[in-house]
Amino acid sequence: MKWMFFLVLAVGLVLSGSVSSMPQQHTSTLEGLVLGPDNKPVANAAVTYQSGGGSAPHVVHTDGQGRFSVPKLRADIYDVRASAQGIYSDWKKNVNLRPGQITTLTLRLTHAPETPAAPPTAQR
């Protein structure tokens, strides 16, 4: 009888491990690269993203190779831009994140005299 308990326990552990490693189908991943005006990757750039529904913006930072990743985002439409040391990218508007998929962007920084305004939500 003890072996039956351990068998059931082992099968349960195996199944729970395989389920947790499966991608979540209701979320998406946004990833990409931030390039500077010189076309080189920008480390520690701020990447701002907000949902098309007008939710508050969120920020992540690039790694040493200018790459960023935002896993487990709710599938939705987002607006995304990058900034570093007073230089900004244009907004990438209406980036459609589909459930269970990875969306990859390249954001290019250009010189800007002032912080670009957030895109208006009424134009969607």
PDB file of N, CA and C in Angstrom:
ATOM      1  N   MET A   1       0.802  -1.187   0.000  1.00  0.00           N
ATOM      2  CA  MET A   1       0.000   0.000   0.000  1.00  0.00           C
ATOM      3  C   MET A   1       0.853   1.263   0.000  1.00  0.00           C
ATOM      4  N   LYS A   2       2.005   1.205   0.724  1.00  0.00           N
ATOM      5  CA  LYS A   2       2.869   2.377   0.754  1.00  0.00           C
ATOM      6  C   LYS A   2       3.373   2.712  -0.646  1.00  0.00           C
ATOM      7  N   TRP A   3       3.683   1.701  -1.423  1.00  0.00           N
ATOM      8  CA  TRP A   3       4.200   1.960  -2.776  1.00  0.00           C
ATOM      9  C   TRP A   3       3.154   2.648  -3.640  1.00  0.00           C
ATOM     10  N   MET A   4       1.887   2.354  -3.415  1.00  0.00           N
ATOM     11  CA  MET A   4       0.810   3.006  -4.171  1.00  0.00           C
ATOM     12  C   MET A   4       0.761   4.504  -3.835  1.00  0.00           C
ATOM     13  N   PHE A   5       0.913   4.822  -2.551  1.00  0.00           N
ATOM     14  CA  PHE A   5       0.921   6.227  -2.142  1.00  0.00           C
ATOM     15  C   PHE A   5       2.080   6.969  -2.807  1.00  0.00           C
ATOM     16  N   PHE A   6       3.279   6.357  -2.784  1.00  0.00           N
ATOM     17  CA  PHE A   6       4.442   7.002  -3.382  1.00  0.00           C
ATOM     18  C   PHE A   6       4.315   7.114  -4.897  1.00  0.00           C
ATOM     19  N   LEU A   7       3.680   6.136  -5.512  1.00  0.00           N
ATOM     20  CA  LEU A   7       3.457   6.188  -6.959  1.00  0.00           C
ATOM     21  C   LEU A   7       2.525   7.346  -7.308  1.00  0.00           C
ATOM     22  N   VAL A   8       1.440   7.483  -6.572  1.00  0.00           N
ATOM     23  CA  VAL A   8       0.502   8.581  -6.810  1.00  0.00           C
ATOM     24  C   VAL A   8       1.191   9.923  -6.560  1.00  0.00           C
ATOM     25  N   LEU A   9       1.984  10.006  -5.504  1.00  0.00           N
ATOM     26  CA  LEU A   9       2.717  11.226  -5.193  1.00  0.00           C
ATOM     27  C   LEU A   9       3.709  11.564  -6.311  1.00  0.00           C
ATOM     28  N   ALA A  10       4.442  10.589  -6.784  1.00  0.00           N
ATOM     29  CA  ALA A  10       5.426  10.810  -7.848  1.00  0.00           C
ATOM     30  C   ALA A  10       4.754  11.266  -9.138  1.00  0.00           C
ATOM     31  N   VAL A  11       3.655  10.629  -9.506  1.00  0.00           N
ATOM     32  CA  VAL A  11       2.927  11.030 -10.716  1.00  0.00           C
ATOM     33  C   VAL A  11       2.408  12.457 -10.565  1.00  0.00           C
ATOM     34  N   GLY A  12       1.900  12.794  -9.402  1.00  0.00           N
ATOM     35  CA  GLY A  12       1.416  14.154  -9.155  1.00  0.00           C
ATOM     36  C   GLY A  12       2.517  15.178  -9.275  1.00  0.00           C
ATOM     37  N   LEU A  13       3.711  14.874  -8.752  1.00  0.00           N
ATOM     38  CA  LEU A  13       4.833  15.802  -8.861  1.00  0.00           C
ATOM     39  C   LEU A  13       5.279  15.976 -10.307  1.00  0.00           C
ATOM     40  N   VAL A  14       5.330  14.883 -11.048  1.00  0.00           N
ATOM     41  CA  VAL A  14       5.718  14.962 -12.459  1.00  0.00           C
ATOM     42  C   VAL A  14       4.720  15.812 -13.236  1.00  0.00           C
ATOM     43  N   LEU A  15       3.430  15.569 -13.029  1.00  0.00           N
ATOM     44  CA  LEU A  15       2.410  16.331 -13.753  1.00  0.00           C
ATOM     45  C   LEU A  15       2.415  17.795 -13.365  1.00  0.00           C
ATOM     46  N   SER A  16       2.582  18.108 -12.090  1.00  0.00           N
ATOM     47  CA  SER A  16       2.591  19.517 -11.681  1.00  0.00           C
ATOM     48  C   SER A  16       3.811  20.227 -12.223  1.00  0.00           C
ATOM     49  N   GLY A  17       4.937  19.561 -12.340  1.00  0.00           N
ATOM     50  CA  GLY A  17       6.133  20.164 -12.920  1.00  0.00           C
ATOM     51  C   GLY A  17       5.970  20.444 -14.386  1.00  0.00           C
ATOM     52  N   SER A  18       5.327  19.529 -15.126  1.00  0.00           N
ATOM     53  CA  SER A  18       5.165  19.754 -16.557  1.00  0.00           C
ATOM     54  C   SER A  18       4.119  20.816 -16.839  1.00  0.00           C
ATOM     55  N   VAL A  19       3.116  20.932 -15.997  1.00  0.00           N
ATOM     56  CA  VAL A  19       2.098  21.957 -16.201  1.00  0.00           C
ATOM     57  C   VAL A  19       2.678  23.340 -15.935  1.00  0.00           C
ATOM     58  N   SER A  20       3.491  23.487 -14.883  1.00  0.00           N
ATOM     59  CA  SER A  20       4.030  24.802 -14.570  1.00  0.00           C
ATOM     60  C   SER A  20       5.051  25.258 -15.587  1.00  0.00           C
ATOM     61  N   SER A  21       5.694  24.343 -16.329  1.00  0.00           N
ATOM     62  CA  SER A  21       6.673  24.747 -17.323  1.00  0.00           C
ATOM     63  C   SER A  21       6.034  25.085 -18.663  1.00  0.00           C
ATOM     64  N   MET A  22       4.747  24.814 -18.823  1.00  0.00           N
ATOM     65  CA  MET A  22       4.065  25.142 -20.061  1.00  0.00           C
ATOM     66  C   MET A  22       3.792  26.641 -20.114  1.00  0.00           C
ATOM     67  N   PRO A  23       3.880  27.273 -21.317  1.00  0.00           N
ATOM     68  CA  PRO A  23       3.579  28.699 -21.389  1.00  0.00           C
ATOM     69  C   PRO A  23       2.128  28.972 -21.032  1.00  0.00           C
ATOM     70  N   GLN A  24       1.898  30.068 -20.369  1.00  0.00           N
ATOM     71  CA  GLN A  24       0.535  30.432 -20.012  1.00  0.00           C
ATOM     72  C   GLN A  24      -0.148  30.993 -21.248  1.00  0.00           C
ATOM     73  N   GLN A  25      -1.284  30.446 -21.604  1.00  0.00           N
ATOM     74  CA  GLN A  25      -1.952  30.798 -22.844  1.00  0.00           C
ATOM     75  C   GLN A  25      -2.694  32.126 -22.788  1.00  0.00           C
ATOM     76  N   HIS A  26      -2.933  32.672 -21.621  1.00  0.00           N
ATOM     77  CA  HIS A  26      -3.653  33.940 -21.532  1.00  0.00           C
ATOM     78  C   HIS A  26      -2.700  35.127 -21.393  1.00  0.00           C
ATOM     79  N   THR A  27      -1.392  34.876 -21.372  1.00  0.00           N
ATOM     80  CA  THR A  27      -0.418  35.952 -21.265  1.00  0.00           C
ATOM     81  C   THR A  27       0.514  35.941 -22.472  1.00  0.00           C
ATOM     82  N   SER A  28       1.258  37.015 -22.608  1.00  0.00           N
ATOM     83  CA  SER A  28       2.194  37.186 -23.713  1.00  0.00           C
ATOM     84  C   SER A  28       3.519  37.691 -23.164  1.00  0.00           C
ATOM     85  N   THR A  29       4.528  37.690 -24.036  1.00  0.00           N
ATOM     86  CA  THR A  29       5.830  38.249 -23.690  1.00  0.00           C
ATOM     87  C   THR A  29       6.172  39.340 -24.690  1.00  0.00           C
ATOM     88  N   LEU A  30       6.622  40.466 -24.179  1.00  0.00           N
ATOM     89  CA  LEU A  30       7.120  41.559 -25.007  1.00  0.00           C
ATOM     90  C   LEU A  30       8.619  41.616 -24.779  1.00  0.00           C
ATOM     91  N   GLU A  31       9.388  41.559 -25.857  1.00  0.00           N
ATOM     92  CA  GLU A  31      10.833  41.634 -25.720  1.00  0.00           C
ATOM     93  C   GLU A  31      11.389  42.469 -26.855  1.00  0.00           C
ATOM     94  N   GLY A  32      12.651  42.852 -26.716  1.00  0.00           N
ATOM     95  CA  GLY A  32      13.224  43.630 -27.796  1.00  0.00           C
ATOM     96  C   GLY A  32      14.595  44.168 -27.503  1.00  0.00           C
ATOM     97  N   LEU A  33      14.984  45.119 -28.346  1.00  0.00           N
ATOM     98  CA  LEU A  33      16.311  45.712 -28.333  1.00  0.00           C
ATOM     99  C   LEU A  33      16.163  47.221 -28.462  1.00  0.00           C
ATOM    100  N   VAL A  34      16.955  47.956 -27.685  1.00  0.00           N
ATOM    101  CA  VAL A  34      16.984  49.413 -27.791  1.00  0.00           C
ATOM    102  C   VAL A  34      18.324  49.811 -28.395  1.00  0.00           C
ATOM    103  N   LEU A  35      18.254  50.569 -29.498  1.00  0.00           N
ATOM    104  CA  LEU A  35      19.453  51.046 -30.184  1.00  0.00           C
ATOM    105  C   LEU A  35      19.548  52.556 -30.054  1.00  0.00           C
ATOM    106  N   GLY A  36      20.765  53.056 -29.914  1.00  0.00           N
ATOM    107  CA  GLY A  36      20.992  54.488 -29.825  1.00  0.00           C
ATOM    108  C   GLY A  36      21.094  55.123 -31.200  1.00  0.00           C
ATOM    109  N   PRO A  37      21.302  56.446 -31.246  1.00  0.00           N
ATOM    110  CA  PRO A  37      21.437  57.143 -32.523  1.00  0.00           C
ATOM    111  C   PRO A  37      22.606  56.611 -33.361  1.00  0.00           C
ATOM    112  N   ASP A  38      23.586  56.006 -32.688  1.00  0.00           N
ATOM    113  CA  ASP A  38      24.736  55.422 -33.386  1.00  0.00           C
ATOM    114  C   ASP A  38      24.484  53.980 -33.817  1.00  0.00           C
ATOM    115  N   ASN A  39      23.247  53.504 -33.630  1.00  0.00           N
ATOM    116  CA  ASN A  39      22.836  52.146 -34.007  1.00  0.00           C
ATOM    117  C   ASN A  39      23.477  51.062 -33.134  1.00  0.00           C
ATOM    118  N   LYS A  40      23.969  51.440 -31.956  1.00  0.00           N
ATOM    119  CA  LYS A  40      24.547  50.477 -31.014  1.00  0.00           C
ATOM    120  C   LYS A  40      23.559  50.237 -29.879  1.00  0.00           C
ATOM    121  N   PRO A  41      23.558  49.029 -29.297  1.00  0.00           N
ATOM    122  CA  PRO A  41      22.649  48.734 -28.182  1.00  0.00           C
ATOM    123  C   PRO A  41      22.881  49.672 -26.998  1.00  0.00           C
ATOM    124  N   VAL A  42      21.797  50.027 -26.321  1.00  0.00           N
ATOM    125  CA  VAL A  42      21.853  50.959 -25.188  1.00  0.00           C
ATOM    126  C   VAL A  42      21.547  50.194 -23.903  1.00  0.00           C
ATOM    127  N   ALA A  43      22.543  50.117 -23.036  1.00  0.00           N
ATOM    128  CA  ALA A  43      22.361  49.462 -21.737  1.00  0.00           C
ATOM    129  C   ALA A  43      21.590  50.377 -20.801  1.00  0.00           C
ATOM    130  N   ASN A  44      20.783  49.801 -19.948  1.00  0.00           N
ATOM    131  CA  ASN A  44      20.029  50.492 -18.898  1.00  0.00           C
ATOM    132  C   ASN A  44      19.061  51.556 -19.430  1.00  0.00           C
ATOM    133  N   ALA A  45      18.599  51.394 -20.659  1.00  0.00           N
ATOM    134  CA  ALA A  45      17.565  52.297 -21.188  1.00  0.00           C
ATOM    135  C   ALA A  45      16.237  51.943 -20.529  1.00  0.00           C
ATOM    136  N   ALA A  46      15.407  52.942 -20.331  1.00  0.00           N
ATOM    137  CA  ALA A  46      14.072  52.721 -19.765  1.00  0.00           C
ATOM    138  C   ALA A  46      13.101  52.431 -20.902  1.00  0.00           C
ATOM    139  N   VAL A  47      12.374  51.342 -20.788  1.00  0.00           N
ATOM    140  CA  VAL A  47      11.352  50.982 -21.768  1.00  0.00           C
ATOM    141  C   VAL A  47      10.003  51.132 -21.074  1.00  0.00           C
ATOM    142  N   THR A  48       9.200  52.054 -21.589  1.00  0.00           N
ATOM    143  CA  THR A  48       7.889  52.341 -21.012  1.00  0.00           C
ATOM    144  C   THR A  48       6.825  51.678 -21.869  1.00  0.00           C
ATOM    145  N   TYR A  49       5.887  50.988 -21.220  1.00  0.00           N
ATOM    146  CA  TYR A  49       4.783  50.364 -21.948  1.00  0.00           C
ATOM    147  C   TYR A  49       3.494  50.617 -21.187  1.00  0.00           C
ATOM    148  N   GLN A  50       2.419  50.790 -21.944  1.00  0.00           N
ATOM    149  CA  GLN A  50       1.094  50.969 -21.345  1.00  0.00           C
ATOM    150  C   GLN A  50       0.080  50.332 -22.261  1.00  0.00           C
ATOM    151  N   SER A  51      -0.977  49.807 -21.665  1.00  0.00           N
ATOM    152  CA  SER A  51      -1.997  49.153 -22.474  1.00  0.00           C
ATOM    153  C   SER A  51      -2.800  50.196 -23.233  1.00  0.00           C
ATOM    154  N   GLY A  52      -3.355  49.774 -24.346  1.00  0.00           N
ATOM    155  CA  GLY A  52      -4.164  50.656 -25.160  1.00  0.00           C
ATOM    156  C   GLY A  52      -5.400  51.147 -24.434  1.00  0.00           C
ATOM    157  N   GLY A  53      -5.803  50.462 -23.382  1.00  0.00           N
ATOM    158  CA  GLY A  53      -6.965  50.870 -22.601  1.00  0.00           C
ATOM    159  C   GLY A  53      -6.683  52.054 -21.695  1.00  0.00           C
ATOM    160  N   GLY A  54      -5.456  52.539 -21.697  1.00  0.00           N
ATOM    161  CA  GLY A  54      -5.111  53.719 -20.918  1.00  0.00           C
ATOM    162  C   GLY A  54      -4.633  53.431 -19.516  1.00  0.00           C
ATOM    163  N   SER A  55      -4.227  52.206 -19.220  1.00  0.00           N
ATOM    164  CA  SER A  55      -3.739  51.910 -17.871  1.00  0.00           C
ATOM    165  C   SER A  55      -2.420  52.635 -17.621  1.00  0.00           C
ATOM    166  N   ALA A  56      -2.057  52.761 -16.368  1.00  0.00           N
ATOM    167  CA  ALA A  56      -0.837  53.463 -15.980  1.00  0.00           C
ATOM    168  C   ALA A  56       0.385  52.837 -16.657  1.00  0.00           C
ATOM    169  N   PRO A  57       1.326  53.662 -17.079  1.00  0.00           N
ATOM    170  CA  PRO A  57       2.522  53.124 -17.722  1.00  0.00           C
ATOM    171  C   PRO A  57       3.395  52.353 -16.740  1.00  0.00           C
ATOM    172  N   HIS A  58       4.122  51.387 -17.273  1.00  0.00           N
ATOM    173  CA  HIS A  58       5.080  50.593 -16.508  1.00  0.00           C
ATOM    174  C   HIS A  58       6.434  50.741 -17.182  1.00  0.00           C
ATOM    175  N   VAL A  59       7.505  50.529 -16.422  1.00  0.00           N
ATOM    176  CA  VAL A  59       8.854  50.698 -16.958  1.00  0.00           C
ATOM    177  C   VAL A  59       9.706  49.484 -16.608  1.00  0.00           C
ATOM    178  N   VAL A  60      10.481  49.021 -17.584  1.00  0.00           N
ATOM    179  CA  VAL A  60      11.538  48.038 -17.373  1.00  0.00           C
ATOM    180  C   VAL A  60      12.809  48.630 -17.964  1.00  0.00           C
ATOM    181  N   HIS A  61      13.952  48.053 -17.629  1.00  0.00           N
ATOM    182  CA  HIS A  61      15.228  48.561 -18.133  1.00  0.00           C
ATOM    183  C   HIS A  61      15.950  47.488 -18.944  1.00  0.00           C
ATOM    184  N   THR A  62      16.719  47.952 -19.904  1.00  0.00           N
ATOM    185  CA  THR A  62      17.479  47.025 -20.737  1.00  0.00           C
ATOM    186  C   THR A  62      18.678  46.487 -19.967  1.00  0.00           C
ATOM    187  N   ASP A  63      19.164  45.340 -20.418  1.00  0.00           N
ATOM    188  CA  ASP A  63      20.353  44.754 -19.821  1.00  0.00           C
ATOM    189  C   ASP A  63      21.610  45.371 -20.463  1.00  0.00           C
ATOM    190  N   GLY A  64      22.747  44.798 -20.213  1.00  0.00           N
ATOM    191  CA  GLY A  64      24.006  45.322 -20.738  1.00  0.00           C
ATOM    192  C   GLY A  64      24.134  45.263 -22.249  1.00  0.00           C
ATOM    193  N   GLN A  65      23.303  44.449 -22.901  1.00  0.00           N
ATOM    194  CA  GLN A  65      23.316  44.332 -24.360  1.00  0.00           C
ATOM    195  C   GLN A  65      22.140  45.081 -24.998  1.00  0.00           C
ATOM    196  N   GLY A  66      21.454  45.917 -24.231  1.00  0.00           N
ATOM    197  CA  GLY A  66      20.351  46.701 -24.762  1.00  0.00           C
ATOM    198  C   GLY A  66      19.056  45.928 -24.945  1.00  0.00           C
ATOM    199  N   ARG A  67      18.972  44.730 -24.368  1.00  0.00           N
ATOM    200  CA  ARG A  67      17.782  43.897 -24.528  1.00  0.00           C
ATOM    201  C   ARG A  67      16.852  44.030 -23.321  1.00  0.00           C
ATOM    202  N   PHE A  68      15.560  43.869 -23.586  1.00  0.00           N
ATOM    203  CA  PHE A  68      14.572  43.886 -22.510  1.00  0.00           C
ATOM    204  C   PHE A  68      13.573  42.761 -22.739  1.00  0.00           C
ATOM    205  N   SER A  69      12.916  42.368 -21.668  1.00  0.00           N
ATOM    206  CA  SER A  69      11.885  41.336 -21.749  1.00  0.00           C
ATOM    207  C   SER A  69      10.852  41.586 -20.665  1.00  0.00           C
ATOM    208  N   VAL A  70       9.584  41.519 -21.061  1.00  0.00           N
ATOM    209  CA  VAL A  70       8.475  41.662 -20.119  1.00  0.00           C
ATOM    210  C   VAL A  70       7.608  40.413 -20.284  1.00  0.00           C
ATOM    211  N   PRO A  71       7.821  39.396 -19.449  1.00  0.00           N
ATOM    212  CA  PRO A  71       7.019  38.177 -19.555  1.00  0.00           C
ATOM    213  C   PRO A  71       5.678  38.332 -18.837  1.00  0.00           C
ATOM    214  N   LYS A  72       4.785  37.455 -19.140  1.00  0.00           N
ATOM    215  CA  LYS A  72       3.497  37.337 -18.450  1.00  0.00           C
ATOM    216  C   LYS A  72       2.652  38.606 -18.524  1.00  0.00           C
ATOM    217  N   LEU A  73       2.708  39.293 -19.660  1.00  0.00           N
ATOM    218  CA  LEU A  73       1.821  40.439 -19.866  1.00  0.00           C
ATOM    219  C   LEU A  73       0.459  39.941 -20.312  1.00  0.00           C
ATOM    220  N   ARG A  74      -0.559  40.621 -19.880  1.00  0.00           N
ATOM    221  CA  ARG A  74      -1.913  40.299 -20.334  1.00  0.00           C
ATOM    222  C   ARG A  74      -1.979  40.559 -21.835  1.00  0.00           C
ATOM    223  N   ALA A  75      -2.540  39.634 -22.567  1.00  0.00           N
ATOM    224  CA  ALA A  75      -2.708  39.823 -24.010  1.00  0.00           C
ATOM    225  C   ALA A  75      -3.592  41.046 -24.226  1.00  0.00           C
ATOM    226  N   ASP A  76      -3.086  42.025 -24.962  1.00  0.00           N
ATOM    227  CA  ASP A  76      -3.782  43.292 -25.161  1.00  0.00           C
ATOM    228  C   ASP A  76      -3.012  44.071 -26.221  1.00  0.00           C
ATOM    229  N   ILE A  77      -3.430  45.290 -26.465  1.00  0.00           N
ATOM    230  CA  ILE A  77      -2.727  46.197 -27.369  1.00  0.00           C
ATOM    231  C   ILE A  77      -1.981  47.210 -26.504  1.00  0.00           C
ATOM    232  N   TYR A  78      -0.695  47.428 -26.802  1.00  0.00           N
ATOM    233  CA  TYR A  78       0.158  48.286 -25.992  1.00  0.00           C
ATOM    234  C   TYR A  78       0.812  49.367 -26.835  1.00  0.00           C
ATOM    235  N   ASP A  79       1.211  50.444 -26.161  1.00  0.00           N
ATOM    236  CA  ASP A  79       2.064  51.477 -26.732  1.00  0.00           C
ATOM    237  C   ASP A  79       3.389  51.381 -25.980  1.00  0.00           C
ATOM    238  N   VAL A  80       4.514  51.477 -26.734  1.00  0.00           N
ATOM    239  CA  VAL A  80       5.828  51.226 -26.149  1.00  0.00           C
ATOM    240  C   VAL A  80       6.809  52.284 -26.656  1.00  0.00           C
ATOM    241  N   ARG A  81       7.699  52.732 -25.789  1.00  0.00           N
ATOM    242  CA  ARG A  81       8.797  53.615 -26.207  1.00  0.00           C
ATOM    243  C   ARG A  81       9.977  53.416 -25.264  1.00  0.00           C
ATOM    244  N   ALA A  82      11.133  53.917 -25.663  1.00  0.00           N
ATOM    245  CA  ALA A  82      12.344  53.806 -24.856  1.00  0.00           C
ATOM    246  C   ALA A  82      12.949  55.183 -24.658  1.00  0.00           C
ATOM    247  N   SER A  83      13.751  55.317 -23.595  1.00  0.00           N
ATOM    248  CA  SER A  83      14.474  56.560 -23.347  1.00  0.00           C
ATOM    249  C   SER A  83      15.761  56.254 -22.601  1.00  0.00           C
ATOM    250  N   ALA A  84      16.736  57.131 -22.816  1.00  0.00           N
ATOM    251  CA  ALA A  84      18.007  57.027 -22.097  1.00  0.00           C
ATOM    252  C   ALA A  84      18.718  58.359 -22.221  1.00  0.00           C
ATOM    253  N   GLN A  85      19.120  58.928 -21.119  1.00  0.00           N
ATOM    254  CA  GLN A  85      19.922  60.152 -21.058  1.00  0.00           C
ATOM    255  C   GLN A  85      19.363  61.275 -21.931  1.00  0.00           C
ATOM    256  N   GLY A  86      18.055  61.515 -21.840  1.00  0.00           N
ATOM    257  CA  GLY A  86      17.435  62.610 -22.563  1.00  0.00           C
ATOM    258  C   GLY A  86      17.147  62.345 -24.029  1.00  0.00           C
ATOM    259  N   ILE A  87      17.336  61.118 -24.457  1.00  0.00           N
ATOM    260  CA  ILE A  87      17.056  60.731 -25.844  1.00  0.00           C
ATOM    261  C   ILE A  87      15.902  59.741 -25.814  1.00  0.00           C
ATOM    262  N   TYR A  88      14.953  59.898 -26.737  1.00  0.00           N
ATOM    263  CA  TYR A  88      13.733  59.097 -26.726  1.00  0.00           C
ATOM    264  C   TYR A  88      13.506  58.433 -28.073  1.00  0.00           C
ATOM    265  N   SER A  89      12.791  57.329 -28.050  1.00  0.00           N
ATOM    266  CA  SER A  89      12.332  56.719 -29.301  1.00  0.00           C
ATOM    267  C   SER A  89      10.941  57.249 -29.598  1.00  0.00           C
ATOM    268  N   ASP A  90      10.494  57.049 -30.811  1.00  0.00           N
ATOM    269  CA  ASP A  90       9.094  57.312 -31.122  1.00  0.00           C
ATOM    270  C   ASP A  90       8.257  56.258 -30.408  1.00  0.00           C
ATOM    271  N   TRP A  91       6.993  56.560 -30.166  1.00  0.00           N
ATOM    272  CA  TRP A  91       6.073  55.567 -29.618  1.00  0.00           C
ATOM    273  C   TRP A  91       5.800  54.510 -30.681  1.00  0.00           C
ATOM    274  N   LYS A  92       5.900  53.244 -30.315  1.00  0.00           N
ATOM    275  CA  LYS A  92       5.382  52.152 -31.145  1.00  0.00           C
ATOM    276  C   LYS A  92       3.956  51.973 -30.650  1.00  0.00           C
ATOM    277  N   LYS A  93       3.007  52.363 -31.482  1.00  0.00           N
ATOM    278  CA  LYS A  93       1.603  52.343 -31.074  1.00  0.00           C
ATOM    279  C   LYS A  93       0.921  51.066 -31.557  1.00  0.00           C
ATOM    280  N   ASN A  94      -0.076  50.657 -30.800  1.00  0.00           N
ATOM    281  CA  ASN A  94      -0.933  49.525 -31.172  1.00  0.00           C
ATOM    282  C   ASN A  94      -0.155  48.231 -31.400  1.00  0.00           C
ATOM    283  N   VAL A  95       0.771  47.940 -30.496  1.00  0.00           N
ATOM    284  CA  VAL A  95       1.521  46.687 -30.546  1.00  0.00           C
ATOM    285  C   VAL A  95       0.600  45.605 -29.990  1.00  0.00           C
ATOM    286  N   ASN A  96       0.212  44.676 -30.833  1.00  0.00           N
ATOM    287  CA  ASN A  96      -0.767  43.656 -30.468  1.00  0.00           C
ATOM    288  C   ASN A  96      -0.070  42.441 -29.871  1.00  0.00           C
ATOM    289  N   LEU A  97      -0.251  42.225 -28.569  1.00  0.00           N
ATOM    290  CA  LEU A  97       0.301  41.042 -27.912  1.00  0.00           C
ATOM    291  C   LEU A  97      -0.779  39.976 -27.873  1.00  0.00           C
ATOM    292  N   ARG A  98      -0.504  38.873 -28.525  1.00  0.00           N
ATOM    293  CA  ARG A  98      -1.470  37.769 -28.606  1.00  0.00           C
ATOM    294  C   ARG A  98      -1.171  36.721 -27.545  1.00  0.00           C
ATOM    295  N   PRO A  99      -2.190  36.049 -27.059  1.00  0.00           N
ATOM    296  CA  PRO A  99      -2.000  35.050 -25.999  1.00  0.00           C
ATOM    297  C   PRO A  99      -0.992  33.978 -26.393  1.00  0.00           C
ATOM    298  N   GLY A 100      -0.068  33.686 -25.481  1.00  0.00           N
ATOM    299  CA  GLY A 100       0.894  32.614 -25.673  1.00  0.00           C
ATOM    300  C   GLY A 100       2.000  32.918 -26.658  1.00  0.00           C
ATOM    301  N   GLN A 101       2.116  34.149 -27.145  1.00  0.00           N
ATOM    302  CA  GLN A 101       3.130  34.475 -28.147  1.00  0.00           C
ATOM    303  C   GLN A 101       4.147  35.468 -27.602  1.00  0.00           C
ATOM    304  N   ILE A 102       5.297  35.526 -28.281  1.00  0.00           N
ATOM    305  CA  ILE A 102       6.342  36.486 -27.969  1.00  0.00           C
ATOM    306  C   ILE A 102       6.358  37.516 -29.092  1.00  0.00           C
ATOM    307  N   THR A 103       6.289  38.789 -28.727  1.00  0.00           N
ATOM    308  CA  THR A 103       6.358  39.889 -29.693  1.00  0.00           C
ATOM    309  C   THR A 103       7.693  40.596 -29.482  1.00  0.00           C
ATOM    310  N   THR A 104       8.446  40.786 -30.580  1.00  0.00           N
ATOM    311  CA  THR A 104       9.774  41.385 -30.502  1.00  0.00           C
ATOM    312  C   THR A 104       9.797  42.732 -31.218  1.00  0.00           C
ATOM    313  N   LEU A 105      10.346  43.743 -30.549  1.00  0.00           N
ATOM    314  CA  LEU A 105      10.444  45.096 -31.097  1.00  0.00           C
ATOM    315  C   LEU A 105      11.891  45.560 -31.102  1.00  0.00           C
ATOM    316  N   THR A 106      12.209  46.461 -32.018  1.00  0.00           N
ATOM    317  CA  THR A 106      13.450  47.221 -31.971  1.00  0.00           C
ATOM    318  C   THR A 106      13.061  48.681 -31.835  1.00  0.00           C
ATOM    319  N   LEU A 107      13.542  49.314 -30.773  1.00  0.00           N
ATOM    320  CA  LEU A 107      13.254  50.723 -30.509  1.00  0.00           C
ATOM    321  C   LEU A 107      14.531  51.519 -30.757  1.00  0.00           C
ATOM    322  N   ARG A 108      14.438  52.554 -31.597  1.00  0.00           N
ATOM    323  CA  ARG A 108      15.602  53.380 -31.934  1.00  0.00           C
ATOM    324  C   ARG A 108      15.460  54.748 -31.288  1.00  0.00           C
ATOM    325  N   LEU A 109      16.485  55.109 -30.512  1.00  0.00           N
ATOM    326  CA  LEU A 109      16.487  56.402 -29.861  1.00  0.00           C
ATOM    327  C   LEU A 109      16.893  57.486 -30.855  1.00  0.00           C
ATOM    328  N   THR A 110      16.191  58.620 -30.802  1.00  0.00           N
ATOM    329  CA  THR A 110      16.536  59.787 -31.616  1.00  0.00           C
ATOM    330  C   THR A 110      16.626  60.976 -30.675  1.00  0.00           C
ATOM    331  N   HIS A 111      17.319  62.008 -31.064  1.00  0.00           N
ATOM    332  CA  HIS A 111      17.428  63.195 -30.208  1.00  0.00           C
ATOM    333  C   HIS A 111      16.081  63.887 -30.137  1.00  0.00           C
ATOM    334  N   ALA A 112      15.686  64.260 -28.947  1.00  0.00           N
ATOM    335  CA  ALA A 112      14.403  64.944 -28.759  1.00  0.00           C
ATOM    336  C   ALA A 112      14.623  66.119 -27.806  1.00  0.00           C
ATOM    337  N   PRO A 113      14.126  67.296 -28.150  1.00  0.00           N
ATOM    338  CA  PRO A 113      14.316  68.443 -27.268  1.00  0.00           C
ATOM    339  C   PRO A 113      13.512  68.350 -25.978  1.00  0.00           C
ATOM    340  N   GLU A 114      12.443  67.547 -25.986  1.00  0.00           N
ATOM    341  CA  GLU A 114      11.619  67.402 -24.785  1.00  0.00           C
ATOM    342  C   GLU A 114      11.013  66.014 -24.772  1.00  0.00           C
ATOM    343  N   THR A 115      10.502  65.624 -23.628  1.00  0.00           N
ATOM    344  CA  THR A 115       9.889  64.309 -23.489  1.00  0.00           C
ATOM    345  C   THR A 115       8.647  64.227 -24.362  1.00  0.00           C
ATOM    346  N   PRO A 116       8.566  63.241 -25.248  1.00  0.00           N
ATOM    347  CA  PRO A 116       7.350  63.115 -26.052  1.00  0.00           C
ATOM    348  C   PRO A 116       6.154  62.823 -25.161  1.00  0.00           C
ATOM    349  N   ALA A 117       5.040  63.406 -25.487  1.00  0.00           N
ATOM    350  CA  ALA A 117       3.815  63.181 -24.719  1.00  0.00           C
ATOM    351  C   ALA A 117       3.301  61.779 -24.966  1.00  0.00           C
ATOM    352  N   ALA A 118       2.593  61.244 -23.999  1.00  0.00           N
ATOM    353  CA  ALA A 118       1.952  59.930 -24.163  1.00  0.00           C
ATOM    354  C   ALA A 118       0.925  60.034 -25.277  1.00  0.00           C
ATOM    355  N   PRO A 119       0.767  58.982 -26.046  1.00  0.00           N
ATOM    356  CA  PRO A 119      -0.231  59.046 -27.109  1.00  0.00           C
ATOM    357  C   PRO A 119      -1.634  59.169 -26.515  1.00  0.00           C
ATOM    358  N   PRO A 120      -2.464  59.982 -27.112  1.00  0.00           N
ATOM    359  CA  PRO A 120      -3.825  60.129 -26.582  1.00  0.00           C
ATOM    360  C   PRO A 120      -4.607  58.836 -26.738  1.00  0.00           C
ATOM    361  N   THR A 121      -5.376  58.504 -25.706  1.00  0.00           N
ATOM    362  CA  THR A 121      -6.148  57.257 -25.749  1.00  0.00           C
ATOM    363  C   THR A 121      -7.398  57.393 -26.578  1.00  0.00           C
ATOM    364  N   ALA A 122      -7.854  58.595 -26.880  1.00  0.00           N
ATOM    365  CA  ALA A 122      -9.107  58.799 -27.615  1.00  0.00           C
ATOM    366  C   ALA A 122      -8.966  58.454 -29.097  1.00  0.00           C
ATOM    367  N   GLN A 123      -7.732  58.350 -29.611  1.00  0.00           N
ATOM    368  CA  GLN A 123      -7.530  58.096 -31.031  1.00  0.00           C
ATOM    369  C   GLN A 123      -7.471  56.627 -31.368  1.00  0.00           C
ATOM    370  N   ARG A 124      -7.852  55.766 -30.502  1.00  0.00           N
ATOM    371  CA  ARG A 124      -7.726  54.315 -30.737  1.00  0.00           C
ATOM    372  C   ARG A 124      -8.908  53.770 -31.429  1.00  0.00           C
TER     373      ARG A 124
END
